[in-house]
């Protein structure tokens, strides 16, 4: 049976693509640049941990954080190197924006699932009611066929 991938699999896949295309010496060397353990790097790659948590370190490696988050834009950041405080503020604002968008997406998906359940239960009720009405009509038709005198009343 296959392994279930994590919630952040798309971001993890892009992080792995960044690692591969930038041709880092090894996973260990890349993990050291990110200030994490190599075992955790694999968790980021598989989407169990959110690569946006590494945004400051990735920024210093010229990785485009928006690309990691959404897949849009260039992989390599073309922005000039900022002061560390400005870099931190920019990254944090981007991370917060992405997190709020993810929360909105999660909420919309939850509402969609709830609406599907409601519609399904309503469809079942309509089908049951229609079946009851059809059965009642058939029963009335049988009674009329058995007792033709009631037909004229």
C-alpha atoms as a PDB file:
ATOM      1  CA  UNK A   1       0.000   0.000   0.000  1.00  0.00           C
ATOM      2  CA  UNK A   2       1.355   3.464  -0.909  1.00  0.00           C
ATOM      3  CA  UNK A   3       2.391   6.043   1.597  1.00  0.00           C
ATOM      4  CA  UNK A   4      -0.073   8.863   2.221  1.00  0.00           C
ATOM      5  CA  UNK A   5       1.521  12.191   1.411  1.00  0.00           C
ATOM      6  CA  UNK A   6       1.317  15.201   3.680  1.00  0.00           C
ATOM      7  CA  UNK A   7      -0.936  18.242   3.552  1.00  0.00           C
ATOM      8  CA  UNK A   8       1.770  20.389   1.963  1.00  0.00           C
ATOM      9  CA  UNK A   9       2.756  17.947  -0.793  1.00  0.00           C
ATOM     10  CA  UNK A  10       2.661  20.562  -3.584  1.00  0.00           C
ATOM     11  CA  UNK A  11       4.971  22.878  -1.661  1.00  0.00           C
ATOM     12  CA  UNK A  12       7.199  19.958  -0.713  1.00  0.00           C
ATOM     13  CA  UNK A  13       7.448  18.892  -4.336  1.00  0.00           C
ATOM     14  CA  UNK A  14       8.505  22.404  -5.335  1.00  0.00           C
ATOM     15  CA  UNK A  15      11.113  22.444  -2.547  1.00  0.00           C
ATOM     16  CA  UNK A  16      12.479  19.147  -3.879  1.00  0.00           C
ATOM     17  CA  UNK A  17      12.514  20.620  -7.388  1.00  0.00           C
ATOM     18  CA  UNK A  18      14.471  23.650  -6.099  1.00  0.00           C
ATOM     19  CA  UNK A  19      16.960  21.320  -4.386  1.00  0.00           C
ATOM     20  CA  UNK A  20      17.339  19.208  -7.546  1.00  0.00           C
ATOM     21  CA  UNK A  21      17.644  22.022 -10.048  1.00  0.00           C
ATOM     22  CA  UNK A  22      20.073  24.016  -7.910  1.00  0.00           C
ATOM     23  CA  UNK A  23      22.254  20.884  -7.712  1.00  0.00           C
ATOM     24  CA  UNK A  24      23.175  21.054  -4.055  1.00  0.00           C
ATOM     25  CA  UNK A  25      25.989  18.726  -3.049  1.00  0.00           C
ATOM     26  CA  UNK A  26      23.750  16.550  -0.871  1.00  0.00           C
ATOM     27  CA  UNK A  27      20.572  16.564   1.170  1.00  0.00           C
ATOM     28  CA  UNK A  28      22.703  16.973   4.259  1.00  0.00           C
ATOM     29  CA  UNK A  29      24.399  20.095   2.836  1.00  0.00           C
ATOM     30  CA  UNK A  30      21.029  21.547   1.784  1.00  0.00           C
ATOM     31  CA  UNK A  31      19.548  20.802   5.220  1.00  0.00           C
ATOM     32  CA  UNK A  32      22.491  22.575   6.877  1.00  0.00           C
ATOM     33  CA  UNK A  33      21.857  25.664   4.721  1.00  0.00           C
ATOM     34  CA  UNK A  34      18.235  25.584   5.881  1.00  0.00           C
ATOM     35  CA  UNK A  35      19.289  25.097   9.531  1.00  0.00           C
ATOM     36  CA  UNK A  36      17.316  21.859   9.876  1.00  0.00           C
ATOM     37  CA  UNK A  37      18.101  18.189  10.336  1.00  0.00           C
ATOM     38  CA  UNK A  38      18.383  16.035   7.229  1.00  0.00           C
ATOM     39  CA  UNK A  39      15.559  13.769   8.477  1.00  0.00           C
ATOM     40  CA  UNK A  40      13.273  16.806   8.655  1.00  0.00           C
ATOM     41  CA  UNK A  41      14.230  17.797   5.117  1.00  0.00           C
ATOM     42  CA  UNK A  42      12.596  14.604   3.861  1.00  0.00           C
ATOM     43  CA  UNK A  43       9.445  15.508   5.817  1.00  0.00           C
ATOM     44  CA  UNK A  44       9.403  18.877   4.037  1.00  0.00           C
ATOM     45  CA  UNK A  45       9.911  17.177   0.661  1.00  0.00           C
ATOM     46  CA  UNK A  46       6.992  14.804   1.320  1.00  0.00           C
ATOM     47  CA  UNK A  47       4.711  17.591   2.501  1.00  0.00           C
ATOM     48  CA  UNK A  48       4.428  16.542   6.140  1.00  0.00           C
ATOM     49  CA  UNK A  49       5.999  19.856   7.178  1.00  0.00           C
ATOM     50  CA  UNK A  50       5.206  23.175   5.492  1.00  0.00           C
ATOM     51  CA  UNK A  51       8.196  24.533   3.513  1.00  0.00           C
ATOM     52  CA  UNK A  52       6.931  28.054   4.197  1.00  0.00           C
ATOM     53  CA  UNK A  53       8.368  27.568   7.683  1.00  0.00           C
ATOM     54  CA  UNK A  54      11.758  27.746   5.939  1.00  0.00           C
ATOM     55  CA  UNK A  55      10.985  30.996   4.106  1.00  0.00           C
ATOM     56  CA  UNK A  56      13.781  33.042   5.681  1.00  0.00           C
ATOM     57  CA  UNK A  57      16.444  30.444   4.908  1.00  0.00           C
ATOM     58  CA  UNK A  58      15.043  29.822   1.416  1.00  0.00           C
ATOM     59  CA  UNK A  59      15.052  33.556   0.736  1.00  0.00           C
ATOM     60  CA  UNK A  60      18.771  33.687   1.489  1.00  0.00           C
ATOM     61  CA  UNK A  61      19.220  30.904  -1.103  1.00  0.00           C
ATOM     62  CA  UNK A  62      17.351  33.094  -3.625  1.00  0.00           C
ATOM     63  CA  UNK A  63      14.331  30.812  -3.699  1.00  0.00           C
ATOM     64  CA  UNK A  64      11.114  32.613  -4.645  1.00  0.00           C
ATOM     65  CA  UNK A  65       8.807  32.061  -1.643  1.00  0.00           C
ATOM     66  CA  UNK A  66       5.690  32.791  -3.708  1.00  0.00           C
ATOM     67  CA  UNK A  67       6.727  30.035  -6.128  1.00  0.00           C
ATOM     68  CA  UNK A  68       7.147  27.583  -3.222  1.00  0.00           C
ATOM     69  CA  UNK A  69       3.714  28.568  -1.877  1.00  0.00           C
ATOM     70  CA  UNK A  70       1.677  28.688  -5.075  1.00  0.00           C
ATOM     71  CA  UNK A  71       3.779  27.472  -7.991  1.00  0.00           C
ATOM     72  CA  UNK A  72       3.405  30.872  -9.648  1.00  0.00           C
ATOM     73  CA  UNK A  73       6.340  32.957 -10.784  1.00  0.00           C
ATOM     74  CA  UNK A  74       9.997  32.089 -11.146  1.00  0.00           C
ATOM     75  CA  UNK A  75      11.703  29.489  -8.979  1.00  0.00           C
ATOM     76  CA  UNK A  76      14.698  31.732  -8.414  1.00  0.00           C
ATOM     77  CA  UNK A  77      14.046  35.080  -6.781  1.00  0.00           C
ATOM     78  CA  UNK A  78      15.241  38.011  -8.853  1.00  0.00           C
ATOM     79  CA  UNK A  79      14.832  40.538  -6.052  1.00  0.00           C
ATOM     80  CA  UNK A  80      17.805  42.395  -4.687  1.00  0.00           C
ATOM     81  CA  UNK A  81      19.118  41.293  -1.324  1.00  0.00           C
ATOM     82  CA  UNK A  82      17.280  43.192   1.389  1.00  0.00           C
ATOM     83  CA  UNK A  83      18.238  44.192   4.861  1.00  0.00           C
ATOM     84  CA  UNK A  84      17.570  41.233   7.175  1.00  0.00           C
ATOM     85  CA  UNK A  85      14.768  43.054   9.022  1.00  0.00           C
ATOM     86  CA  UNK A  86      13.049  44.048   5.764  1.00  0.00           C
ATOM     87  CA  UNK A  87      13.514  40.517   4.471  1.00  0.00           C
ATOM     88  CA  UNK A  88      11.936  39.075   7.624  1.00  0.00           C
ATOM     89  CA  UNK A  89       8.998  41.490   7.465  1.00  0.00           C
ATOM     90  CA  UNK A  90       8.399  40.751   3.785  1.00  0.00           C
ATOM     91  CA  UNK A  91       8.592  37.003   4.292  1.00  0.00           C
ATOM     92  CA  UNK A  92       6.328  37.069   7.338  1.00  0.00           C
ATOM     93  CA  UNK A  93       3.726  39.156   5.491  1.00  0.00           C
ATOM     94  CA  UNK A  94       3.799  36.728   2.570  1.00  0.00           C
ATOM     95  CA  UNK A  95       3.523  33.725   4.880  1.00  0.00           C
ATOM     96  CA  UNK A  96       0.544  35.297   6.698  1.00  0.00           C
ATOM     97  CA  UNK A  97      -1.157  36.073   3.389  1.00  0.00           C
ATOM     98  CA  UNK A  98      -0.660  32.523   2.172  1.00  0.00           C
ATOM     99  CA  UNK A  99      -1.862  31.066   5.480  1.00  0.00           C
ATOM    100  CA  UNK A 100      -5.026  33.182   5.375  1.00  0.00           C
ATOM    101  CA  UNK A 101      -5.642  32.065   1.781  1.00  0.00           C
ATOM    102  CA  UNK A 102      -5.142  28.452   2.833  1.00  0.00           C
ATOM    103  CA  UNK A 103      -7.618  28.928   5.688  1.00  0.00           C
ATOM    104  CA  UNK A 104     -10.142  30.364   3.236  1.00  0.00           C
ATOM    105  CA  UNK A 105      -9.622  27.433   0.870  1.00  0.00           C
ATOM    106  CA  UNK A 106     -10.056  24.962   3.752  1.00  0.00           C
ATOM    107  CA  UNK A 107     -13.251  26.738   4.845  1.00  0.00           C
ATOM    108  CA  UNK A 108     -14.666  26.712   1.304  1.00  0.00           C
ATOM    109  CA  UNK A 109     -13.858  23.030   0.884  1.00  0.00           C
ATOM    110  CA  UNK A 110     -15.552  22.260   4.190  1.00  0.00           C
ATOM    111  CA  UNK A 111     -18.642  24.235   3.165  1.00  0.00           C
ATOM    112  CA  UNK A 112     -18.693  22.449  -0.200  1.00  0.00           C
ATOM    113  CA  UNK A 113     -18.577  19.069   1.544  1.00  0.00           C
ATOM    114  CA  UNK A 114     -21.375  20.123   3.898  1.00  0.00           C
ATOM    115  CA  UNK A 115     -23.524  21.298   0.972  1.00  0.00           C
ATOM    116  CA  UNK A 116     -22.932  18.010  -0.830  1.00  0.00           C
ATOM    117  CA  UNK A 117     -24.124  16.108   2.256  1.00  0.00           C
ATOM    118  CA  UNK A 118     -27.212  18.326   2.534  1.00  0.00           C
ATOM    119  CA  UNK A 119     -28.051  17.960  -1.152  1.00  0.00           C
ATOM    120  CA  UNK A 120     -27.545  14.209  -0.976  1.00  0.00           C
ATOM    121  CA  UNK A 121     -29.895  13.881   1.994  1.00  0.00           C
ATOM    122  CA  UNK A 122     -32.477  16.108   0.263  1.00  0.00           C
ATOM    123  CA  UNK A 123     -32.236  13.993  -2.885  1.00  0.00           C
ATOM    124  CA  UNK A 124     -32.829  10.841  -0.821  1.00  0.00           C
ATOM    125  CA  UNK A 125     -35.906  12.453   0.776  1.00  0.00           C
ATOM    126  CA  UNK A 126     -37.292  13.443  -2.635  1.00  0.00           C
ATOM    127  CA  UNK A 127     -36.723   9.943  -3.979  1.00  0.00           C
ATOM    128  CA  UNK A 128     -38.412   8.372  -0.939  1.00  0.00           C
ATOM    129  CA  UNK A 129     -41.384  10.747  -1.180  1.00  0.00           C
ATOM    130  CA  UNK A 130     -41.735  10.097  -4.915  1.00  0.00           C
ATOM    131  CA  UNK A 131     -41.580   6.351  -4.293  1.00  0.00           C
ATOM    132  CA  UNK A 132     -44.302   6.627  -1.614  1.00  0.00           C
ATOM    133  CA  UNK A 133     -46.489   8.687  -3.942  1.00  0.00           C
ATOM    134  CA  UNK A 134     -46.011   6.201  -6.777  1.00  0.00           C
ATOM    135  CA  UNK A 135     -46.872   3.301  -4.465  1.00  0.00           C
ATOM    136  CA  UNK A 136     -49.975   5.160  -3.246  1.00  0.00           C
ATOM    137  CA  UNK A 137     -51.091   5.801  -6.871  1.00  0.00           C
ATOM    138  CA  UNK A 138     -50.568   2.134  -7.758  1.00  0.00           C
ATOM    139  CA  UNK A 139     -52.573   1.052  -4.722  1.00  0.00           C
ATOM    140  CA  UNK A 140     -55.410   3.430  -5.631  1.00  0.00           C
ATOM    141  CA  UNK A 141     -55.360   2.128  -9.210  1.00  0.00           C
ATOM    142  CA  UNK A 142     -55.578  -1.476  -7.972  1.00  0.00           C
ATOM    143  CA  UNK A 143     -58.511  -0.610  -5.697  1.00  0.00           C
ATOM    144  CA  UNK A 144     -60.314   1.060  -8.573  1.00  0.00           C
ATOM    145  CA  UNK A 145     -59.763  -1.985 -10.763  1.00  0.00           C
ATOM    146  CA  UNK A 146     -61.089  -4.307  -8.033  1.00  0.00           C
ATOM    147  CA  UNK A 147     -64.116  -2.174  -7.275  1.00  0.00           C
ATOM    148  CA  UNK A 148     -65.307  -0.400 -10.431  1.00  0.00           C
ATOM    149  CA  UNK A 149     -68.341   1.108  -8.610  1.00  0.00           C
ATOM    150  CA  UNK A 150     -66.095   3.528  -6.662  1.00  0.00           C
ATOM    151  CA  UNK A 151     -64.753   4.846  -9.937  1.00  0.00           C
ATOM    152  CA  UNK A 152     -67.964   6.728 -10.697  1.00  0.00           C
ATOM    153  CA  UNK A 153     -68.215   8.338  -7.270  1.00  0.00           C
END
